[in-house]
Amino acid sequence: MLKLHQIYFRLYFILFVVLFGVVLVEVYYIHSFEKLALVLSITFLMFLLVFFIYFSKITTKITQEVTKIIDFLKSLTKKEKENYISSDFSKEFKDITKLLTKIANILIKQEKHKDSYTEKLELSNTQKDEIISAISHEFKNPIAVINGYSETLLNDTQIPQNLRKKFLQKIHKNGVKLTNLIDTLRLAIKLDENKQKLNFKDTDIYKLTLDIVEDIKDSYDREIKVFGEHTMIKVDPVLFGIAIRNLVENAIKYSENEVLIMIQNDTLSVIDKGIGISKKDIEKITDKFYRVSNNTWNNSLGLGLSIVKNVVKVHSFKLQIKSELHKGSEFIIRF
């Protein structure tokens, strides 16, 4: 029995004893045993009636509280859980509901954490599939070219010398492409894990940029203009050169007009008038292996801008991206 109702029961029992004592005193003084029996019977019946009514109410209330608790417990087995239950019926029910509320909130937190982990796992699996697909695609093309031309050279001994030389150049070019892909993957991993060794030197960024542009022009038929002045800063010239090259090649790949490079005392900007990048993609475009879901925006392995971001980071510089769809983009490295 609940403590509160034990007290009530004792009070009723005490009241009954008091009434019984009063009746005995009256009988003692009036010496009427018939009246005593009548009074005792009436008193006992009244007590039983009050007792019955009181405990009927208690039973009903307890049933209601227990039903509420059972319904709450059932809700904990469902996806959408209730997170609060309370009762002022008694101290015991109050303690029980308080504990159940605490348990419910713990379960809800665990469920949210589980859902969050599941979502991350699904996203990770999706990204992993996309990465494998991207790597497979990028490696498949040069391998197919190498296999095709080498097989032709092996099977056809009558190929003219000039054509044979052209085939060998194709094989060599695609072999170099495979090497570059592998080097890019290795560099991205090293930068992510902070394992890339750095060799800082005072470097003329303007001259470094001109050298990179001259090299790029051999591979791309596009006008690249460099504006600015000689600016000396302390960088790893090889690593920083890779970042500049990635930005310029990125601009060339996604625009048809000239590419501009602006060098000032504290910034290097690569500007194009290409297809631009949407706001939602700007926030993710420098993530490793991120590829924008647009056929006109093919990010290859999705490593170029990720490498740029990490190179800028290890130099304690800042990368800023300004872009507008169908108007172009500007990538700014702030020294």
C-alpha atoms as a PDB file:
ATOM      1  CA  MET A   1       0.000   0.000   0.000  1.00  0.00           C
ATOM      2  CA  LEU A   2       1.199   3.514  -0.775  1.00  0.00           C
ATOM      3  CA  LYS A   3       2.579   5.502   2.145  1.00  0.00           C
ATOM      4  CA  LEU A   4       0.103   8.343   1.756  1.00  0.00           C
ATOM      5  CA  HIS A   5      -2.834   5.986   1.813  1.00  0.00           C
ATOM      6  CA  GLN A   6      -1.418   4.068   4.761  1.00  0.00           C
ATOM      7  CA  ILE A   7      -1.619   7.339   6.693  1.00  0.00           C
ATOM      8  CA  TYR A   8      -5.206   7.883   5.564  1.00  0.00           C
ATOM      9  CA  PHE A   9      -6.117   4.359   6.576  1.00  0.00           C
ATOM     10  CA  ARG A  10      -4.593   4.874  10.026  1.00  0.00           C
ATOM     11  CA  LEU A  11      -6.519   8.106  10.463  1.00  0.00           C
ATOM     12  CA  TYR A  12      -9.770   6.337   9.630  1.00  0.00           C
ATOM     13  CA  PHE A  13      -8.891   3.534  12.021  1.00  0.00           C
ATOM     14  CA  ILE A  14      -8.149   6.040  14.795  1.00  0.00           C
ATOM     15  CA  LEU A  15     -11.426   7.795  14.057  1.00  0.00           C
ATOM     16  CA  PHE A  16     -13.254   4.487  14.301  1.00  0.00           C
ATOM     17  CA  VAL A  17     -11.613   3.719  17.671  1.00  0.00           C
ATOM     18  CA  VAL A  18     -12.512   7.179  18.972  1.00  0.00           C
ATOM     19  CA  LEU A  19     -16.139   6.796  17.869  1.00  0.00           C
ATOM     20  CA  PHE A  20     -16.249   3.359  19.391  1.00  0.00           C
ATOM     21  CA  GLY A  21     -14.856   4.739  22.671  1.00  0.00           C
ATOM     22  CA  VAL A  22     -17.429   7.557  22.710  1.00  0.00           C
ATOM     23  CA  VAL A  23     -20.234   5.023  22.247  1.00  0.00           C
ATOM     24  CA  LEU A  24     -18.905   2.882  25.118  1.00  0.00           C
ATOM     25  CA  VAL A  25     -18.849   5.881  27.425  1.00  0.00           C
ATOM     26  CA  GLU A  26     -22.435   6.774  26.529  1.00  0.00           C
ATOM     27  CA  VAL A  27     -23.610   3.222  27.112  1.00  0.00           C
ATOM     28  CA  TYR A  28     -21.765   3.067  30.408  1.00  0.00           C
ATOM     29  CA  TYR A  29     -23.662   6.060  31.674  1.00  0.00           C
ATOM     30  CA  ILE A  30     -27.107   5.181  30.267  1.00  0.00           C
ATOM     31  CA  HIS A  31     -26.797   1.407  30.855  1.00  0.00           C
ATOM     32  CA  SER A  32     -28.521   0.440  27.577  1.00  0.00           C
ATOM     33  CA  PHE A  33     -26.915  -2.518  25.802  1.00  0.00           C
ATOM     34  CA  GLU A  34     -29.519  -2.517  23.045  1.00  0.00           C
ATOM     35  CA  LYS A  35     -28.646   1.047  22.251  1.00  0.00           C
ATOM     36  CA  LEU A  36     -24.982   0.077  22.347  1.00  0.00           C
ATOM     37  CA  ALA A  37     -25.488  -2.646  19.774  1.00  0.00           C
ATOM     38  CA  LEU A  38     -27.466  -0.299  17.523  1.00  0.00           C
ATOM     39  CA  VAL A  39     -24.917   2.487  17.769  1.00  0.00           C
ATOM     40  CA  LEU A  40     -22.018   0.088  17.162  1.00  0.00           C
ATOM     41  CA  SER A  41     -23.731  -1.399  14.140  1.00  0.00           C
ATOM     42  CA  ILE A  42     -24.460   2.008  12.632  1.00  0.00           C
ATOM     43  CA  THR A  43     -20.933   3.233  13.367  1.00  0.00           C
ATOM     44  CA  PHE A  44     -19.353   0.159  11.855  1.00  0.00           C
ATOM     45  CA  LEU A  45     -21.551   0.358   8.763  1.00  0.00           C
ATOM     46  CA  MET A  46     -20.691   4.053   8.310  1.00  0.00           C
ATOM     47  CA  PHE A  47     -17.035   3.272   8.678  1.00  0.00           C
ATOM     48  CA  LEU A  48     -17.265   0.456   6.130  1.00  0.00           C
ATOM     49  CA  LEU A  49     -19.116   2.760   3.721  1.00  0.00           C
ATOM     50  CA  VAL A  50     -16.540   5.522   4.024  1.00  0.00           C
ATOM     51  CA  PHE A  51     -13.743   2.989   3.815  1.00  0.00           C
ATOM     52  CA  PHE A  52     -15.266   1.439   0.663  1.00  0.00           C
ATOM     53  CA  ILE A  53     -15.787   4.807  -1.049  1.00  0.00           C
ATOM     54  CA  TYR A  54     -12.284   5.951  -0.186  1.00  0.00           C
ATOM     55  CA  PHE A  55     -10.582   2.811  -1.421  1.00  0.00           C
ATOM     56  CA  SER A  56     -12.737   2.735  -4.569  1.00  0.00           C
ATOM     57  CA  LYS A  57     -11.412   6.178  -5.416  1.00  0.00           C
ATOM     58  CA  ILE A  58      -7.876   5.089  -4.609  1.00  0.00           C
ATOM     59  CA  THR A  59      -8.226   1.979  -6.766  1.00  0.00           C
ATOM     60  CA  THR A  60      -9.609   4.004  -9.690  1.00  0.00           C
ATOM     61  CA  LYS A  61      -6.849   6.575  -9.408  1.00  0.00           C
ATOM     62  CA  ILE A  62      -4.126   3.928  -9.134  1.00  0.00           C
ATOM     63  CA  THR A  63      -5.568   2.161 -12.201  1.00  0.00           C
ATOM     64  CA  GLN A  64      -5.464   5.449 -14.133  1.00  0.00           C
ATOM     65  CA  GLU A  65      -1.874   6.152 -13.096  1.00  0.00           C
ATOM     66  CA  VAL A  66      -0.733   2.606 -13.905  1.00  0.00           C
ATOM     67  CA  THR A  67      -2.486   2.773 -17.309  1.00  0.00           C
ATOM     68  CA  LYS A  68      -0.736   6.085 -18.018  1.00  0.00           C
ATOM     69  CA  ILE A  69       2.629   4.545 -17.141  1.00  0.00           C
ATOM     70  CA  ILE A  70       1.939   1.468 -19.306  1.00  0.00           C
ATOM     71  CA  ASP A  71       0.980   3.686 -22.271  1.00  0.00           C
ATOM     72  CA  PHE A  72       4.162   5.682 -21.736  1.00  0.00           C
ATOM     73  CA  LEU A  73       6.261   2.511 -21.661  1.00  0.00           C
ATOM     74  CA  LYS A  74       4.585   1.332 -24.889  1.00  0.00           C
ATOM     75  CA  SER A  75       5.492   4.644 -26.525  1.00  0.00           C
ATOM     76  CA  LEU A  76       9.172   3.972 -25.739  1.00  0.00           C
ATOM     77  CA  THR A  77       9.052   0.996 -28.112  1.00  0.00           C
ATOM     78  CA  LYS A  78       7.926   3.211 -30.999  1.00  0.00           C
ATOM     79  CA  LYS A  79       9.933   5.390 -33.361  1.00  0.00           C
ATOM     80  CA  GLU A  80       8.373   8.608 -32.083  1.00  0.00           C
ATOM     81  CA  LYS A  81       8.847   8.363 -28.333  1.00  0.00           C
ATOM     82  CA  GLU A  82       7.142  10.452 -25.671  1.00  0.00           C
ATOM     83  CA  ASN A  83       9.728  12.286 -23.605  1.00  0.00           C
ATOM     84  CA  TYR A  84       7.796  13.366 -20.519  1.00  0.00           C
ATOM     85  CA  ILE A  85       5.459  11.882 -17.924  1.00  0.00           C
ATOM     86  CA  SER A  86       4.512  13.129 -14.448  1.00  0.00           C
ATOM     87  CA  SER A  87       2.253  12.238 -11.539  1.00  0.00           C
ATOM     88  CA  ASP A  88       1.321  14.028  -8.296  1.00  0.00           C
ATOM     89  CA  PHE A  89      -0.813  11.188  -6.987  1.00  0.00           C
ATOM     90  CA  SER A  90       1.803  10.018  -4.499  1.00  0.00           C
ATOM     91  CA  LYS A  91       5.524  10.201  -3.808  1.00  0.00           C
ATOM     92  CA  GLU A  92       6.031   6.724  -5.263  1.00  0.00           C
ATOM     93  CA  PHE A  93       4.293   7.560  -8.546  1.00  0.00           C
ATOM     94  CA  LYS A  94       6.108  10.891  -8.699  1.00  0.00           C
ATOM     95  CA  ASP A  95       9.493   9.142  -8.325  1.00  0.00           C
ATOM     96  CA  ILE A  96       8.549   6.493 -10.883  1.00  0.00           C
ATOM     97  CA  THR A  97       7.410   9.004 -13.527  1.00  0.00           C
ATOM     98  CA  LYS A  98      10.450  11.168 -12.914  1.00  0.00           C
ATOM     99  CA  LEU A  99      12.716   8.180 -13.509  1.00  0.00           C
ATOM    100  CA  LEU A 100      10.737   7.146 -16.609  1.00  0.00           C
ATOM    101  CA  THR A 101      11.108  10.674 -18.030  1.00  0.00           C
ATOM    102  CA  LYS A 102      14.858  10.474 -17.510  1.00  0.00           C
ATOM    103  CA  ILE A 103      15.029   7.065 -19.183  1.00  0.00           C
ATOM    104  CA  ALA A 104      12.887   8.293 -22.104  1.00  0.00           C
ATOM    105  CA  ASN A 105      15.196  11.252 -22.744  1.00  0.00           C
ATOM    106  CA  ILE A 106      18.242   8.977 -22.631  1.00  0.00           C
ATOM    107  CA  LEU A 107      16.619   6.633 -25.165  1.00  0.00           C
ATOM    108  CA  ILE A 108      15.657   9.546 -27.432  1.00  0.00           C
ATOM    109  CA  LYS A 109      19.238  10.873 -27.351  1.00  0.00           C
ATOM    110  CA  GLN A 110      20.580   7.414 -28.148  1.00  0.00           C
ATOM    111  CA  GLU A 111      18.075   7.076 -31.001  1.00  0.00           C
ATOM    112  CA  LYS A 112      19.100  10.441 -32.449  1.00  0.00           C
ATOM    113  CA  HIS A 113      22.771   9.520 -32.126  1.00  0.00           C
ATOM    114  CA  LYS A 114      22.080   6.204 -33.833  1.00  0.00           C
ATOM    115  CA  ASP A 115      20.150   7.892 -36.658  1.00  0.00           C
ATOM    116  CA  SER A 116      22.914  10.459 -37.062  1.00  0.00           C
ATOM    117  CA  TYR A 117      25.555   7.728 -37.169  1.00  0.00           C
ATOM    118  CA  THR A 118      23.480   5.753 -39.694  1.00  0.00           C
ATOM    119  CA  GLU A 119      23.125   8.824 -41.914  1.00  0.00           C
ATOM    120  CA  LYS A 120      26.865   9.481 -41.727  1.00  0.00           C
ATOM    121  CA  LEU A 121      27.590   5.840 -42.507  1.00  0.00           C
ATOM    122  CA  GLU A 122      25.238   5.889 -45.501  1.00  0.00           C
ATOM    123  CA  LEU A 123      26.784   9.148 -46.712  1.00  0.00           C
ATOM    124  CA  SER A 124      30.268   7.725 -46.225  1.00  0.00           C
ATOM    125  CA  ASN A 125      29.358   4.598 -48.206  1.00  0.00           C
ATOM    126  CA  THR A 126      27.860   6.730 -50.981  1.00  0.00           C
ATOM    127  CA  GLN A 127      30.950   8.947 -51.099  1.00  0.00           C
ATOM    128  CA  LYS A 128      33.196   5.889 -51.066  1.00  0.00           C
ATOM    129  CA  ASP A 129      31.324   4.430 -54.046  1.00  0.00           C
ATOM    130  CA  GLU A 130      31.612   7.765 -55.869  1.00  0.00           C
ATOM    131  CA  ILE A 131      35.332   7.971 -55.076  1.00  0.00           C
ATOM    132  CA  ILE A 132      35.961   4.427 -56.319  1.00  0.00           C
ATOM    133  CA  SER A 133      33.919   5.191 -59.431  1.00  0.00           C
ATOM    134  CA  ALA A 134      35.859   8.429 -60.052  1.00  0.00           C
ATOM    135  CA  ILE A 135      39.247   6.791 -59.535  1.00  0.00           C
ATOM    136  CA  SER A 136      38.243   3.833 -61.698  1.00  0.00           C
ATOM    137  CA  HIS A 137      37.080   6.168 -64.473  1.00  0.00           C
ATOM    138  CA  GLU A 138      40.206   8.361 -64.349  1.00  0.00           C
ATOM    139  CA  PHE A 139      42.550   5.355 -64.415  1.00  0.00           C
ATOM    140  CA  LYS A 140      40.560   3.395 -66.985  1.00  0.00           C
ATOM    141  CA  ASN A 141      40.939   5.897 -69.832  1.00  0.00           C
ATOM    142  CA  PRO A 142      44.780   6.148 -69.940  1.00  0.00           C
ATOM    143  CA  ILE A 143      45.109   2.397 -69.313  1.00  0.00           C
ATOM    144  CA  ALA A 144      42.768   1.704 -72.251  1.00  0.00           C
ATOM    145  CA  VAL A 145      44.823   4.011 -74.477  1.00  0.00           C
ATOM    146  CA  ILE A 146      48.102   2.381 -73.422  1.00  0.00           C
ATOM    147  CA  ASN A 147      46.701  -1.124 -73.950  1.00  0.00           C
ATOM    148  CA  GLY A 148      45.179  -0.227 -77.319  1.00  0.00           C
ATOM    149  CA  TYR A 149      48.237   1.397 -78.853  1.00  0.00           C
ATOM    150  CA  SER A 150      50.712  -1.135 -77.417  1.00  0.00           C
ATOM    151  CA  GLU A 151      48.592  -4.029 -78.701  1.00  0.00           C
ATOM    152  CA  THR A 152      48.520  -2.438 -82.157  1.00  0.00           C
ATOM    153  CA  LEU A 153      52.308  -2.019 -82.136  1.00  0.00           C
ATOM    154  CA  LEU A 154      52.799  -5.651 -81.068  1.00  0.00           C
ATOM    155  CA  ASN A 155      50.437  -7.144 -83.646  1.00  0.00           C
ATOM    156  CA  ASP A 156      51.156  -4.955 -86.639  1.00  0.00           C
ATOM    157  CA  THR A 157      54.800  -4.922 -87.686  1.00  0.00           C
ATOM    158  CA  GLN A 158      54.069  -2.960 -90.879  1.00  0.00           C
ATOM    159  CA  ILE A 159      53.170   0.320 -89.182  1.00  0.00           C
ATOM    160  CA  PRO A 160      55.052   3.285 -90.708  1.00  0.00           C
ATOM    161  CA  GLN A 161      57.789   4.819 -88.577  1.00  0.00           C
ATOM    162  CA  ASN A 162      56.041   8.175 -88.168  1.00  0.00           C
ATOM    163  CA  LEU A 163      52.793   6.492 -87.049  1.00  0.00           C
ATOM    164  CA  ARG A 164      54.717   4.199 -84.706  1.00  0.00           C
ATOM    165  CA  LYS A 165      56.315   7.261 -83.132  1.00  0.00           C
ATOM    166  CA  LYS A 166      52.887   8.879 -82.720  1.00  0.00           C
ATOM    167  CA  PHE A 167      51.545   5.747 -81.001  1.00  0.00           C
ATOM    168  CA  LEU A 168      54.531   5.641 -78.653  1.00  0.00           C
ATOM    169  CA  GLN A 169      53.999   9.309 -77.789  1.00  0.00           C
ATOM    170  CA  LYS A 170      50.361   8.522 -76.936  1.00  0.00           C
ATOM    171  CA  ILE A 171      51.477   5.652 -74.715  1.00  0.00           C
ATOM    172  CA  HIS A 172      54.062   7.845 -72.995  1.00  0.00           C
ATOM    173  CA  LYS A 173      51.584  10.705 -72.495  1.00  0.00           C
ATOM    174  CA  ASN A 174      49.020   8.442 -70.852  1.00  0.00           C
ATOM    175  CA  GLY A 175      51.696   6.783 -68.738  1.00  0.00           C
ATOM    176  CA  VAL A 176      52.645  10.229 -67.457  1.00  0.00           C
ATOM    177  CA  LYS A 177      48.953  10.930 -66.802  1.00  0.00           C
ATOM    178  CA  LEU A 178      48.695   7.789 -64.664  1.00  0.00           C
ATOM    179  CA  THR A 179      51.804   8.821 -62.741  1.00  0.00           C
ATOM    180  CA  ASN A 180      50.333  12.267 -62.133  1.00  0.00           C
ATOM    181  CA  LEU A 181      47.058  10.747 -60.894  1.00  0.00           C
ATOM    182  CA  ILE A 182      48.932   8.549 -58.421  1.00  0.00           C
ATOM    183  CA  ASP A 183      51.084  11.471 -57.276  1.00  0.00           C
ATOM    184  CA  THR A 184      47.960  13.598 -56.790  1.00  0.00           C
ATOM    185  CA  LEU A 185      46.334  10.919 -54.636  1.00  0.00           C
ATOM    186  CA  ARG A 186      49.490  10.511 -52.554  1.00  0.00           C
ATOM    187  CA  LEU A 187      49.838  14.277 -52.079  1.00  0.00           C
ATOM    188  CA  ALA A 188      46.178  14.628 -51.027  1.00  0.00           C
ATOM    189  CA  ILE A 189      46.576  11.867 -48.441  1.00  0.00           C
ATOM    190  CA  LYS A 190      49.845  13.303 -47.074  1.00  0.00           C
ATOM    191  CA  LEU A 191      48.365  16.779 -46.759  1.00  0.00           C
ATOM    192  CA  ASP A 192      45.292  15.406 -44.970  1.00  0.00           C
ATOM    193  CA  GLU A 193      47.482  13.496 -42.524  1.00  0.00           C
ATOM    194  CA  ASN A 194      49.995  16.367 -42.116  1.00  0.00           C
ATOM    195  CA  LYS A 195      52.803  14.102 -43.344  1.00  0.00           C
ATOM    196  CA  GLN A 196      53.966  16.248 -46.266  1.00  0.00           C
ATOM    197  CA  LYS A 197      57.482  17.584 -45.644  1.00  0.00           C
ATOM    198  CA  LEU A 198      57.785  21.335 -46.189  1.00  0.00           C
ATOM    199  CA  ASN A 199      60.784  23.274 -47.440  1.00  0.00           C
ATOM    200  CA  PHE A 200      60.127  26.996 -46.960  1.00  0.00           C
ATOM    201  CA  LYS A 201      62.156  29.463 -49.020  1.00  0.00           C
ATOM    202  CA  ASP A 202      61.955  33.150 -49.885  1.00  0.00           C
ATOM    203  CA  THR A 203      60.181  32.921 -53.235  1.00  0.00           C
ATOM    204  CA  ASP A 204      59.226  35.413 -55.924  1.00  0.00           C
ATOM    205  CA  ILE A 205      55.562  34.526 -56.431  1.00  0.00           C
ATOM    206  CA  TYR A 206      55.335  36.533 -59.651  1.00  0.00           C
ATOM    207  CA  LYS A 207      58.252  34.629 -61.249  1.00  0.00           C
ATOM    208  CA  LEU A 208      56.953  31.288 -59.905  1.00  0.00           C
ATOM    209  CA  THR A 209      53.564  32.001 -61.489  1.00  0.00           C
ATOM    210  CA  LEU A 210      55.113  32.954 -64.845  1.00  0.00           C
ATOM    211  CA  ASP A 211      57.095  29.677 -64.927  1.00  0.00           C
ATOM    212  CA  ILE A 212      53.941  27.656 -64.173  1.00  0.00           C
ATOM    213  CA  VAL A 213      51.929  29.521 -66.840  1.00  0.00           C
ATOM    214  CA  GLU A 214      54.616  28.866 -69.479  1.00  0.00           C
ATOM    215  CA  ASP A 215      54.503  25.168 -68.648  1.00  0.00           C
ATOM    216  CA  ILE A 216      50.687  25.066 -68.726  1.00  0.00           C
ATOM    217  CA  LYS A 217      50.526  26.782 -72.126  1.00  0.00           C
ATOM    218  CA  ASP A 218      52.247  23.748 -73.653  1.00  0.00           C
ATOM    219  CA  SER A 219      49.285  21.583 -72.631  1.00  0.00           C
ATOM    220  CA  TYR A 220      46.352  23.980 -73.097  1.00  0.00           C
ATOM    221  CA  ASP A 221      45.478  26.192 -76.022  1.00  0.00           C
ATOM    222  CA  ARG A 222      44.252  29.082 -73.926  1.00  0.00           C
ATOM    223  CA  GLU A 223      45.388  32.631 -73.244  1.00  0.00           C
ATOM    224  CA  ILE A 224      46.606  33.153 -69.679  1.00  0.00           C
ATOM    225  CA  LYS A 225      47.513  36.674 -68.589  1.00  0.00           C
ATOM    226  CA  VAL A 226      49.565  37.464 -65.493  1.00  0.00           C
ATOM    227  CA  PHE A 227      49.380  40.945 -63.943  1.00  0.00           C
ATOM    228  CA  GLY A 228      51.150  42.295 -60.896  1.00  0.00           C
ATOM    229  CA  GLU A 229      54.602  42.805 -59.517  1.00  0.00           C
ATOM    230  CA  HIS A 230      57.465  40.816 -58.068  1.00  0.00           C
ATOM    231  CA  THR A 231      56.437  39.769 -54.557  1.00  0.00           C
ATOM    232  CA  MET A 232      58.718  37.873 -52.180  1.00  0.00           C
ATOM    233  CA  ILE A 233      57.127  35.597 -49.592  1.00  0.00           C
ATOM    234  CA  LYS A 234      58.317  32.542 -47.668  1.00  0.00           C
ATOM    235  CA  VAL A 235      56.675  29.397 -49.078  1.00  0.00           C
ATOM    236  CA  ASP A 236      57.449  25.858 -50.151  1.00  0.00           C
ATOM    237  CA  PRO A 237      57.852  26.696 -53.886  1.00  0.00           C
ATOM    238  CA  VAL A 238      57.095  23.155 -55.109  1.00  0.00           C
ATOM    239  CA  LEU A 239      53.947  22.789 -53.015  1.00  0.00           C
ATOM    240  CA  PHE A 240      52.740  26.333 -53.575  1.00  0.00           C
ATOM    241  CA  GLY A 241      53.405  25.922 -57.290  1.00  0.00           C
ATOM    242  CA  ILE A 242      51.109  22.887 -57.318  1.00  0.00           C
ATOM    243  CA  ALA A 243      48.363  25.008 -55.723  1.00  0.00           C
ATOM    244  CA  ILE A 244      48.759  27.761 -58.351  1.00  0.00           C
ATOM    245  CA  ARG A 245      48.789  25.204 -61.163  1.00  0.00           C
ATOM    246  CA  ASN A 246      45.621  23.542 -59.860  1.00  0.00           C
ATOM    247  CA  LEU A 247      43.810  26.884 -59.690  1.00  0.00           C
ATOM    248  CA  VAL A 248      44.871  27.861 -63.228  1.00  0.00           C
ATOM    249  CA  GLU A 249      43.995  24.453 -64.718  1.00  0.00           C
ATOM    250  CA  ASN A 250      40.677  24.561 -62.892  1.00  0.00           C
ATOM    251  CA  ALA A 251      39.945  27.980 -64.456  1.00  0.00           C
ATOM    252  CA  ILE A 252      40.948  26.754 -67.915  1.00  0.00           C
ATOM    253  CA  LYS A 253      38.882  23.599 -67.667  1.00  0.00           C
ATOM    254  CA  TYR A 254      35.620  25.342 -66.819  1.00  0.00           C
ATOM    255  CA  SER A 255      35.807  28.476 -68.944  1.00  0.00           C
ATOM    256  CA  GLU A 256      36.295  29.192 -72.627  1.00  0.00           C
ATOM    257  CA  ASN A 257      37.712  32.705 -72.327  1.00  0.00           C
ATOM    258  CA  GLU A 258      41.087  33.933 -71.148  1.00  0.00           C
ATOM    259  CA  VAL A 259      42.274  33.347 -67.588  1.00  0.00           C
ATOM    260  CA  LEU A 260      43.614  36.237 -65.542  1.00  0.00           C
ATOM    261  CA  ILE A 261      46.105  35.992 -62.685  1.00  0.00           C
ATOM    262  CA  MET A 262      46.483  39.042 -60.442  1.00  0.00           C
ATOM    263  CA  ILE A 263      49.424  39.269 -58.000  1.00  0.00           C
ATOM    264  CA  GLN A 264      49.560  42.002 -55.352  1.00  0.00           C
ATOM    265  CA  ASN A 265      51.445  42.490 -52.096  1.00  0.00           C
ATOM    266  CA  ASP A 266      49.168  40.248 -50.056  1.00  0.00           C
ATOM    267  CA  THR A 267      47.037  38.305 -52.566  1.00  0.00           C
ATOM    268  CA  LEU A 268      47.151  36.058 -55.606  1.00  0.00           C
ATOM    269  CA  SER A 269      43.903  35.845 -57.596  1.00  0.00           C
ATOM    270  CA  VAL A 270      42.950  33.486 -60.428  1.00  0.00           C
ATOM    271  CA  ILE A 271      39.955  34.826 -62.369  1.00  0.00           C
ATOM    272  CA  ASP A 272      37.884  33.187 -65.085  1.00  0.00           C
ATOM    273  CA  LYS A 273      34.690  34.040 -66.973  1.00  0.00           C
ATOM    274  CA  GLY A 274      33.380  30.499 -66.999  1.00  0.00           C
ATOM    275  CA  ILE A 275      30.265  28.667 -65.819  1.00  0.00           C
ATOM    276  CA  GLY A 276      30.610  29.704 -62.181  1.00  0.00           C
ATOM    277  CA  ILE A 277      29.707  27.793 -59.032  1.00  0.00           C
ATOM    278  CA  SER A 278      26.405  27.797 -57.132  1.00  0.00           C
ATOM    279  CA  LYS A 279      26.302  28.984 -53.505  1.00  0.00           C
ATOM    280  CA  LYS A 280      25.568  25.518 -52.126  1.00  0.00           C
ATOM    281  CA  ASP A 281      28.533  24.059 -54.024  1.00  0.00           C
ATOM    282  CA  ILE A 282      30.973  26.818 -53.040  1.00  0.00           C
ATOM    283  CA  GLU A 283      30.785  25.611 -49.422  1.00  0.00           C
ATOM    284  CA  LYS A 284      31.800  22.063 -50.408  1.00  0.00           C
ATOM    285  CA  ILE A 285      33.872  22.534 -53.558  1.00  0.00           C
ATOM    286  CA  THR A 286      37.183  22.288 -51.670  1.00  0.00           C
ATOM    287  CA  ASP A 287      36.209  19.046 -49.897  1.00  0.00           C
ATOM    288  CA  LYS A 288      38.256  16.020 -50.856  1.00  0.00           C
ATOM    289  CA  PHE A 289      36.636  13.953 -53.644  1.00  0.00           C
ATOM    290  CA  TYR A 290      33.672  16.341 -53.828  1.00  0.00           C
ATOM    291  CA  ARG A 291      32.171  16.382 -57.290  1.00  0.00           C
ATOM    292  CA  VAL A 292      29.382  18.767 -58.193  1.00  0.00           C
ATOM    293  CA  SER A 293      26.333  16.942 -59.535  1.00  0.00           C
ATOM    294  CA  ASN A 294      26.335  18.717 -62.883  1.00  0.00           C
ATOM    295  CA  ASN A 295      27.545  17.170 -66.116  1.00  0.00           C
ATOM    296  CA  THR A 296      29.091  20.438 -67.204  1.00  0.00           C
ATOM    297  CA  TRP A 297      31.087  20.643 -63.972  1.00  0.00           C
ATOM    298  CA  ASN A 298      33.328  17.592 -63.940  1.00  0.00           C
ATOM    299  CA  ASN A 299      35.759  17.750 -61.055  1.00  0.00           C
ATOM    300  CA  SER A 300      37.715  14.626 -62.143  1.00  0.00           C
ATOM    301  CA  LEU A 301      38.920  13.042 -58.925  1.00  0.00           C
ATOM    302  CA  GLY A 302      37.728  16.054 -56.973  1.00  0.00           C
ATOM    303  CA  LEU A 303      41.195  16.571 -55.489  1.00  0.00           C
ATOM    304  CA  GLY A 304      42.490  19.731 -57.169  1.00  0.00           C
ATOM    305  CA  LEU A 305      40.771  22.326 -55.000  1.00  0.00           C
ATOM    306  CA  SER A 306      41.093  20.132 -51.912  1.00  0.00           C
ATOM    307  CA  ILE A 307      44.866  20.143 -52.408  1.00  0.00           C
ATOM    308  CA  VAL A 308      44.799  23.926 -52.915  1.00  0.00           C
ATOM    309  CA  LYS A 309      42.905  24.355 -49.645  1.00  0.00           C
ATOM    310  CA  ASN A 310      45.368  22.174 -47.732  1.00  0.00           C
ATOM    311  CA  VAL A 311      48.429  23.831 -49.285  1.00  0.00           C
ATOM    312  CA  VAL A 312      47.043  27.236 -48.331  1.00  0.00           C
ATOM    313  CA  LYS A 313      46.343  25.917 -44.831  1.00  0.00           C
ATOM    314  CA  VAL A 314      49.860  24.569 -44.194  1.00  0.00           C
ATOM    315  CA  HIS A 315      51.232  27.973 -45.243  1.00  0.00           C
ATOM    316  CA  SER A 316      48.846  29.696 -42.787  1.00  0.00           C
ATOM    317  CA  PHE A 317      47.285  31.596 -45.691  1.00  0.00           C
ATOM    318  CA  LYS A 318      43.572  31.964 -46.481  1.00  0.00           C
ATOM    319  CA  LEU A 319      41.578  30.825 -49.507  1.00  0.00           C
ATOM    320  CA  GLN A 320      38.550  32.862 -50.581  1.00  0.00           C
ATOM    321  CA  ILE A 321      36.173  31.895 -53.380  1.00  0.00           C
ATOM    322  CA  LYS A 322      33.898  34.359 -55.179  1.00  0.00           C
ATOM    323  CA  SER A 323      31.635  33.013 -57.885  1.00  0.00           C
ATOM    324  CA  GLU A 324      28.405  33.640 -59.756  1.00  0.00           C
ATOM    325  CA  LEU A 325      26.669  31.139 -62.009  1.00  0.00           C
ATOM    326  CA  HIS A 326      27.220  31.748 -65.732  1.00  0.00           C
ATOM    327  CA  LYS A 327      29.486  34.725 -64.992  1.00  0.00           C
ATOM    328  CA  GLY A 328      32.679  33.233 -63.627  1.00  0.00           C
ATOM    329  CA  SER A 329      34.768  32.664 -60.517  1.00  0.00           C
ATOM    330  CA  GLU A 330      37.648  34.215 -58.608  1.00  0.00           C
ATOM    331  CA  PHE A 331      39.928  32.195 -56.340  1.00  0.00           C
ATOM    332  CA  ILE A 332      41.927  34.388 -53.973  1.00  0.00           C
ATOM    333  CA  ILE A 333      44.896  33.298 -51.840  1.00  0.00           C
ATOM    334  CA  ARG A 334      45.582  35.806 -49.098  1.00  0.00           C
ATOM    335  CA  PHE A 335      49.152  35.720 -47.774  1.00  0.00           C
END
